[in-house]
């Protein structure tokens, strides 16, 4: 996990801001298999702070992807994240 992200999460410990909050963790990498360890570490820290990880995934973006393809993938990722955060059953 990047040090800056861990530091930001560490600052939240005292405030309790994450306690009971729904969280989605996503990353972007050249393949869907990449980023798994980083997402796992972020999930671990979020859970230790009382957050509830609803979903965790990597969006595969290759350097050859065009802007319209990336926009479509971003839209899909946002939709997936919002669906995971929807409190309705």
Foldseek 3Di string as FASTA:
>chain_A
DDPVVVVVLVVCLVVLVQAAAEDEAEEEEQDFVPPPVVQVVVVVSSVVSRHHYQYYTYQRDHPPDDPVRVVVSVVVVVVVRVVSRDPDD
